[in-house]
C-alpha cells in the first residue's frame, strides 16, 4: 500500500537556488529557519546532587580552559567560534600527559576555593529546579574565578606572562553571593515562577549593559576571539550544552493534503510556489519514504545508500514539556 504526501516549495528553490528538482534533493531546515520562532524551544532545568553539580562545573572549567588555550595560541589571527567549545570532550582526551597534569593542577586549585565549594553545596541543596537564566547567573559568577585559576597555572608553567595575572577582585561577586546567603534567600521563597522572573529580568539587564558597552566602544569589536572567551562564554557554553541531551536536528515538512488556500499563501510563496507529490509506503500503519543518503564513510569519502525514512506526524501540545538535564544526558557520561 502507498499514500501520497505533499510538499510546497518556491520555484526559486526548486529551479534556481538549490536546484532541488534537478538534483532530486530534499531540503532539511534548521529549527531557526522554521515558521514558529519557538520551534525547538526546550524547557530544560537542572536539579542534581553534589556530584552532578561538581561535574558540571568541572566540565565548564574544561571547556573554558580549552578555548583559553586556543586564544593564547591563535590570538585574533584565526577565528574561534562557539563550535570550538569541546562540549563532548573530557580531560582523558587531552593530547599529552603534560597537558593532563596541567589541567589537574587547574582543577585542584579551582575546587579548593572555599566560596566555590559553598556555592556547589547550596545549589545542590535547592528544592526548586534551576533553569537557564539562573544557571547562567552562577556560571557568570564563577567565570572570572575560573579564568584566574587557569592563568595562574599558565603563568606558573611559563605559558603566559605575569601581565595576564588577574587580581583578587574577581572573587568579589562569588564571595558576595555566599556571604549574603543569596541562595538561602531564594530557598525561602518557594514561588518558582517569581524566581524565574527575577533571573529573566537580571539577564535582560545584563544584555542592556552589554549593548551599552558596545555602543560606548568598551567592547572591542576587533577582538572577537577575546570577547568570546572573556565576555560571552557562560551564555555560549549553555547554548552548546543542550547538545549533550539533544544533537543538532533538521526537518523537512510534508502535508497529507494540499487544498488549503491559506497554506498555499503562507508556505507556497503567496500562491506562486510549486507542490511536489511524494509516494510513501505504508508498513505497520507507519509511512516511509525511500531516500538516498550518506550511510557511512570509506577511504574514498561518503558512502550513499537508500534507506526507509519514517514520516512522523506533528503533535501540537499546549505549553512546553520540562526536561531534566542530568537525567536526560545520553551523549556524555559524568564520572564520580
Protein backbone atom coordinates (compact mmCIF):
# COMPACT_ATOMS: atom_id res chain seq x y z
CA UNK A 1 0.00 0.00 0.00
CA UNK A 2 1.02 3.60 -0.54
CA UNK A 3 -0.08 7.12 0.29
CA UNK A 4 0.71 10.48 -1.32
CA UNK A 5 2.22 13.33 0.73
CA UNK A 6 2.70 16.89 -0.49
CA UNK A 7 5.46 19.44 -0.04
CA UNK A 8 5.26 23.13 -1.02
CA UNK A 9 8.43 24.79 -2.26
CA UNK A 10 9.22 28.05 -4.01
CA UNK A 11 10.07 27.96 -7.70
CA UNK A 12 13.42 29.59 -6.88
CA UNK A 13 14.46 26.78 -4.51
CA UNK A 14 13.36 24.10 -6.90
CA UNK A 15 14.73 25.53 -10.15
CA UNK A 16 17.47 28.01 -9.24
CA UNK A 17 18.69 28.38 -5.66
CA UNK A 18 19.11 24.78 -4.52
CA UNK A 19 18.13 23.10 -7.80
CA UNK A 20 16.12 20.64 -5.74
CA UNK A 21 14.16 19.32 -8.70
CA UNK A 22 17.19 18.77 -10.92
CA UNK A 23 19.27 17.24 -8.14
CA UNK A 24 16.35 15.27 -6.69
CA UNK A 25 17.11 16.57 -3.20
CA UNK A 26 15.00 17.43 -0.16
CA UNK A 27 15.99 20.45 1.89
CA UNK A 28 16.07 19.88 5.65
CA UNK A 29 15.75 23.13 7.63
CA UNK A 30 17.36 24.09 10.93
CA UNK A 31 14.86 24.98 13.72
CA UNK A 32 15.85 28.67 13.39
CA UNK A 33 14.56 28.62 9.80
CA UNK A 34 11.13 27.28 10.69
CA UNK A 35 7.96 29.33 10.80
CA UNK A 36 7.38 29.19 14.56
CA UNK A 37 10.03 31.22 16.47
CA UNK A 38 9.55 28.90 19.46
CA UNK A 39 10.13 25.78 17.38
CA UNK A 40 12.74 23.67 19.07
CA UNK A 41 12.43 25.52 22.39
CA UNK A 42 13.06 23.25 25.35
CA UNK A 43 12.24 23.99 28.96
CA UNK A 44 15.40 22.49 30.43
CA UNK A 45 16.04 22.52 34.16
CA UNK A 46 18.94 21.39 36.35
CA UNK A 47 18.31 19.54 39.61
CA UNK A 48 21.00 17.20 40.88
CA UNK A 49 23.14 16.16 43.81
CA UNK A 50 26.57 17.48 44.76
CA UNK A 51 28.37 15.06 42.42
CA UNK A 52 26.29 16.09 39.40
CA UNK A 53 26.81 19.78 40.02
CA UNK A 54 30.53 19.46 40.70
CA UNK A 55 30.97 17.57 37.45
CA UNK A 56 29.03 20.21 35.55
CA UNK A 57 31.33 22.92 36.92
CA UNK A 58 34.33 20.74 36.09
CA UNK A 59 33.04 20.37 32.52
CA UNK A 60 32.64 24.16 32.33
CA UNK A 61 36.24 24.60 33.53
CA UNK A 62 37.48 22.06 30.99
CA UNK A 63 35.72 23.77 28.06
CA UNK A 64 36.85 27.21 29.20
CA UNK A 65 40.47 26.08 29.52
CA UNK A 66 40.46 24.59 26.03
CA UNK A 67 39.15 27.82 24.49
CA UNK A 68 41.53 29.92 26.60
CA UNK A 69 44.50 27.90 25.35
CA UNK A 70 43.22 28.34 21.78
CA UNK A 71 43.06 32.09 22.38
CA UNK A 72 46.67 32.14 23.61
CA UNK A 73 47.83 30.24 20.53
CA UNK A 74 45.66 31.81 17.82
CA UNK A 75 45.10 35.30 19.21
CA UNK A 76 42.85 37.04 16.72
CA UNK A 77 44.63 35.62 13.68
CA UNK A 78 42.33 32.61 13.37
CA UNK A 79 38.63 32.61 14.20
CA UNK A 80 37.48 30.87 17.36
CA UNK A 81 33.75 30.17 17.48
CA UNK A 82 31.26 28.50 19.81
CA UNK A 83 31.66 25.36 17.69
CA UNK A 84 35.21 25.08 19.04
CA UNK A 85 33.89 24.50 22.56
CA UNK A 86 34.66 20.78 23.14
CA UNK A 87 31.25 20.05 24.61
CA UNK A 88 31.64 16.29 24.06
CA UNK A 89 35.25 16.19 25.23
CA UNK A 90 36.80 15.25 28.56
CA UNK A 91 40.18 15.55 30.22
CA UNK A 92 41.19 12.00 29.33
CA UNK A 93 41.25 13.11 25.69
CA UNK A 94 43.87 15.81 26.28
CA UNK A 95 46.72 15.18 23.81
CA UNK A 96 49.69 14.77 26.19
CA UNK A 97 50.42 13.65 29.74
CA UNK A 98 51.89 17.10 30.40
CA UNK A 99 48.64 18.75 29.36
CA UNK A 100 46.64 16.36 31.58
CA UNK A 101 48.91 17.15 34.52
CA UNK A 102 48.49 20.87 33.88
CA UNK A 103 44.71 20.62 33.81
CA UNK A 104 44.75 18.58 37.02
CA UNK A 105 46.56 21.50 38.70
CA UNK A 106 43.92 23.91 37.37
CA UNK A 107 41.09 21.66 38.54
CA UNK A 108 42.60 21.11 42.00
CA UNK A 109 43.18 24.84 42.51
CA UNK A 110 39.70 25.72 41.25
CA UNK A 111 37.81 23.36 43.54
CA UNK A 112 39.94 24.31 46.55
CA UNK A 113 38.26 27.74 46.55
CA UNK A 114 36.01 27.79 49.62
CA UNK A 115 33.33 30.06 48.20
CA UNK A 116 33.03 27.83 45.13
CA UNK A 117 32.58 24.74 47.30
CA UNK A 118 29.89 26.58 49.26
CA UNK A 119 28.16 27.58 46.04
CA UNK A 120 28.04 23.96 44.84
CA UNK A 121 26.74 22.82 48.25
CA UNK A 122 23.99 25.46 48.19
CA UNK A 123 22.97 24.80 44.60
CA UNK A 124 22.77 21.03 45.14
CA UNK A 125 20.55 21.63 48.20
CA UNK A 126 17.97 23.70 46.32
CA UNK A 127 14.45 22.27 46.44
CA UNK A 128 13.38 24.15 43.31
CA UNK A 129 14.94 23.22 39.96
CA UNK A 130 17.35 25.70 38.38
CA UNK A 131 16.63 27.00 34.90
CA UNK A 132 18.78 28.58 32.22
CA UNK A 133 18.82 32.22 33.38
CA UNK A 134 19.63 31.28 36.97
CA UNK A 135 22.36 28.85 35.90
CA UNK A 136 23.90 31.48 33.63
CA UNK A 137 23.98 33.81 36.65
CA UNK A 138 26.00 31.26 38.64
CA UNK A 139 28.33 30.50 35.73
CA UNK A 140 28.93 34.21 35.23
CA UNK A 141 29.71 34.46 38.94
CA UNK A 142 32.46 31.84 38.73
CA UNK A 143 33.68 32.69 35.21
CA UNK A 144 36.49 35.10 36.13
CA UNK A 145 37.40 32.94 39.13
CA UNK A 146 37.91 30.07 36.68
CA UNK A 147 39.89 32.30 34.31
CA UNK A 148 42.14 33.47 37.13
CA UNK A 149 42.79 29.85 38.15
CA UNK A 150 43.66 28.95 34.56
CA UNK A 151 46.05 31.88 34.09
CA UNK A 152 47.69 31.36 37.48
CA UNK A 153 48.72 27.86 36.34
CA UNK A 154 49.67 29.11 32.86
CA UNK A 155 51.99 31.71 34.43
CA UNK A 156 53.44 29.11 36.81
CA UNK A 157 54.12 26.79 33.86
CA UNK A 158 55.66 29.60 31.79
CA UNK A 159 52.86 29.55 29.22
CA UNK A 160 51.72 33.12 29.85
CA UNK A 161 53.31 36.33 31.08
CA UNK A 162 52.83 37.88 34.51
CA UNK A 163 50.89 40.76 32.97
CA UNK A 164 47.98 38.37 32.35
CA UNK A 165 47.60 37.52 36.03
CA UNK A 166 44.15 38.55 37.28
CA UNK A 167 43.79 40.30 40.63
CA UNK A 168 41.77 39.18 43.65
CA UNK A 169 38.78 41.36 42.74
CA UNK A 170 37.47 38.54 40.53
CA UNK A 171 36.34 36.75 43.72
CA UNK A 172 34.11 39.59 44.92
CA UNK A 173 30.92 38.63 43.11
CA UNK A 174 31.10 34.97 44.15
CA UNK A 175 32.08 35.85 47.74
CA UNK A 176 29.13 38.24 47.98
CA UNK A 177 26.66 35.56 46.82
CA UNK A 178 27.88 33.30 49.63
CA UNK A 179 28.30 35.92 52.39
CA UNK A 180 24.83 37.38 51.81
CA UNK A 181 23.29 33.89 51.72
CA UNK A 182 21.74 34.64 48.34
CA UNK A 183 20.69 31.04 47.70
CA UNK A 184 19.29 30.73 51.20
CA UNK A 185 17.00 33.67 50.48
CA UNK A 186 15.90 32.01 47.24
CA UNK A 187 15.22 28.77 49.08
CA UNK A 188 12.86 30.54 51.47
CA UNK A 189 10.81 31.72 48.50
CA UNK A 190 9.03 28.72 47.03
CA UNK A 191 7.48 30.68 44.16
CA UNK A 192 9.33 29.11 41.24
CA UNK A 193 7.72 31.44 38.71
CA UNK A 194 8.82 34.52 40.68
CA UNK A 195 12.40 33.21 40.89
CA UNK A 196 12.43 32.64 37.12
CA UNK A 197 11.19 36.19 36.55
CA UNK A 198 13.92 37.61 38.80
CA UNK A 199 16.68 35.95 36.80
CA UNK A 200 14.99 36.78 33.48
CA UNK A 201 14.99 40.46 34.46
CA UNK A 202 18.62 40.21 35.54
CA UNK A 203 19.57 38.63 32.21
CA UNK A 204 17.78 41.42 30.31
CA UNK A 205 19.61 44.00 32.43
CA UNK A 206 22.96 42.36 31.65
CA UNK A 207 22.12 42.35 27.94
CA UNK A 208 21.36 46.07 28.09
CA UNK A 209 24.69 46.75 29.83
CA UNK A 210 26.39 44.68 27.13
CA UNK A 211 24.74 46.74 24.36
CA UNK A 212 25.72 49.99 26.08
CA UNK A 213 29.30 48.76 26.35
CA UNK A 214 29.33 48.01 22.62
CA UNK A 215 27.84 51.43 21.88
CA UNK A 216 30.49 53.12 24.04
CA UNK A 217 33.18 51.03 22.30
CA UNK A 218 34.28 49.35 25.52
CA UNK A 219 33.55 46.12 23.74
CA UNK A 220 36.42 45.66 21.29
CA UNK A 221 34.82 44.55 18.05
CA UNK A 222 38.28 43.95 16.61
CA UNK A 223 38.90 41.15 19.11
CA UNK A 224 36.02 38.70 18.66
CA UNK A 225 38.03 35.73 19.96
CA UNK A 226 38.88 37.52 23.19
CA UNK A 227 35.30 38.69 23.62
CA UNK A 228 34.03 35.14 23.14
CA UNK A 229 36.27 33.76 25.87
CA UNK A 230 36.23 36.67 28.30
CA UNK A 231 32.75 38.18 27.94
CA UNK A 232 30.39 35.76 26.20
CA UNK A 233 31.50 32.32 27.28
CA UNK A 234 28.90 31.49 30.01
CA UNK A 235 25.93 32.08 27.70
CA UNK A 236 27.55 30.47 24.67
CA UNK A 237 28.54 27.45 26.75
CA UNK A 238 24.91 26.97 27.81
CA UNK A 239 23.81 27.21 24.18
CA UNK A 240 26.13 24.33 23.33
CA UNK A 241 25.30 22.38 26.48
CA UNK A 242 21.89 21.49 25.04
CA UNK A 243 23.68 19.25 22.55
CA UNK A 244 24.59 16.85 25.36
CA UNK A 245 20.93 15.84 25.55
CA UNK A 246 19.74 16.78 22.06
CA UNK A 247 22.02 16.85 19.00
CA UNK A 248 21.52 19.37 16.23
CA UNK A 249 18.46 18.44 14.21
CA UNK A 250 16.93 19.37 10.88
CA UNK A 251 13.49 18.71 9.46
CA UNK A 252 11.57 18.59 6.19
CA UNK A 253 7.80 19.13 6.39
CA UNK A 254 5.13 17.35 4.34
CA UNK A 255 1.33 17.59 4.21
CA UNK A 256 -1.33 14.92 3.88
CA UNK A 257 -3.41 17.21 1.63
CA UNK A 258 -2.73 20.36 -0.44
CA UNK A 259 -6.11 22.08 -0.96
CA UNK A 260 -5.97 24.70 1.79
CA UNK A 261 -5.71 28.17 0.23
CA UNK A 262 -4.16 29.83 3.29
CA UNK A 263 -1.43 27.17 3.37
CA UNK A 264 -0.64 27.91 -0.27
CA UNK A 265 -0.49 31.61 0.54
CA UNK A 266 1.82 31.16 3.50
CA UNK A 267 4.08 28.25 2.53
CA UNK A 268 3.65 28.39 -1.24
CA UNK A 269 5.30 31.78 -1.70
CA UNK A 270 2.00 33.67 -1.93
CA UNK A 271 0.38 31.12 -4.28
CA UNK A 272 3.35 31.19 -6.70
CA UNK A 273 5.09 28.08 -5.37
CA UNK A 274 5.13 24.51 -6.58
CA UNK A 275 3.63 21.47 -4.87
CA UNK A 276 5.62 18.25 -5.05
CA UNK A 277 3.99 14.85 -4.60
CA UNK A 278 5.79 12.05 -2.74
CA UNK A 279 4.62 8.47 -2.83
CA UNK A 280 5.15 6.83 0.55
CA UNK A 281 4.98 3.19 1.55
CA UNK A 282 2.84 2.03 4.47
CA UNK A 283 4.31 -0.51 6.88
CA UNK A 284 2.64 -1.39 10.17
CA UNK A 285 0.43 1.73 9.92
CA UNK A 286 3.51 3.95 9.54
CA UNK A 287 4.54 5.95 6.47
CA UNK A 288 8.01 5.80 4.92
CA UNK A 289 9.93 7.45 2.07
CA UNK A 290 12.77 5.59 0.40
CA UNK A 291 15.56 8.20 0.37
CA UNK A 292 19.17 8.03 -0.72
CA UNK A 293 21.65 9.49 1.74
CA UNK A 294 25.00 9.12 3.49
CA UNK A 295 25.15 5.85 5.41
CA UNK A 296 28.84 5.82 6.26
CA UNK A 297 32.35 6.83 5.24
CA UNK A 298 35.04 4.96 3.34
CA UNK A 299 38.55 5.63 2.04
CA UNK A 300 37.05 7.47 -0.96
CA UNK A 301 34.64 9.58 1.08
CA UNK A 302 30.92 9.27 1.92
CA UNK A 303 29.01 6.08 1.17
CA UNK A 304 25.45 6.50 -0.10
CA UNK A 305 22.60 4.04 0.01
CA UNK A 306 18.81 4.01 0.06
CA UNK A 307 17.07 3.87 3.42
CA UNK A 308 13.46 3.96 4.51
CA UNK A 309 12.83 7.18 6.47
CA UNK A 310 9.71 7.37 8.60
CA UNK A 311 7.32 10.32 8.34
CA UNK A 312 6.38 11.40 11.85
CA UNK A 313 3.10 13.26 12.48
CA UNK A 314 3.40 16.67 14.14
CA UNK A 315 1.74 16.78 17.57
CA UNK A 316 0.75 20.22 18.85
CA UNK A 317 0.80 20.35 22.63
CA UNK A 318 -0.06 23.19 24.97
CA UNK A 319 2.99 24.62 26.71
CA UNK A 320 6.48 23.14 26.72
CA UNK A 321 7.47 19.86 28.28
CA UNK A 322 10.06 20.03 31.04
CA UNK A 323 13.41 18.30 30.50
CA UNK A 324 15.62 17.25 33.41
CA UNK A 325 19.16 17.85 32.16
CA UNK A 326 21.03 15.49 34.47
CA UNK A 327 18.57 12.64 33.88
CA UNK A 328 18.37 13.17 30.11
CA UNK A 329 22.01 13.11 29.12
CA UNK A 330 22.77 10.34 26.65
CA UNK A 331 25.86 11.56 24.81
CA UNK A 332 28.11 12.42 27.76
CA UNK A 333 28.86 10.49 30.93
CA UNK A 334 29.91 12.30 34.07
CA UNK A 335 32.31 10.47 36.31
CA UNK A 336 32.38 10.41 40.09
